[in-house]
Each structure stands twice: as structure tokens, then as C-alpha cells.
Amino acid sequence: MTLHTLKVSVGDQVYLDHNDEEVGAVREVARDHLIIYVENSGDVHIAGPAVKAAHDGKVVLDAAKLDRDVLAAMRQAHQRETD
């Protein structure tokens, strides 16, 4: 299954494991990866297997399949808003 099969589109909001708060947005869709803009961190590369679901303009990522640094950046996406 490719990312295009999942109907991922540029501009879709990105979430971690069905969290209520988005961590970024899709900037580019390739056959086997996404480029996602993570708030407060910039663009990151996400391998296709890390995408758990995609529907209704939302992309849900599997945190267990993400690089440690990418996961840390996503978990801190809104930190400046609360500081």
C-alpha cells in the first residue's frame, strides 16, 4: 500500500496516535514518505510505514515507528504556546 492509496494530501493535518491536538501539516506526498511541517521545528521526513491512518484531511502517525528526534519535536510542537 502506498501513501497515495491512503489518500494523503498536501495540507492535511497531522496527529500522533489519534491525539486531539495536531502536530503539523503535510507539505509533500511521495510514494513512500511524507514531508511534514512540524510546528516550532520545521520540515521532517516521515517514512510511509509510520502512517497509521489517513481520512477526512487528517493523517495519524504511529509514534512507535517514528525516529526519536522527530517524535520529540512533535511532542513539543505546541510548547511555546503554553510557556
Foldseek 3Di string as FASTA:
>chain_A
DWVVVQVADFFQFEEEPPDPDTQFTWHDGDRFWTWTQGAPPGTDIGGNVQFPHDDDSYTYGYLVRDDPVVSVSSVCRCVVVVD
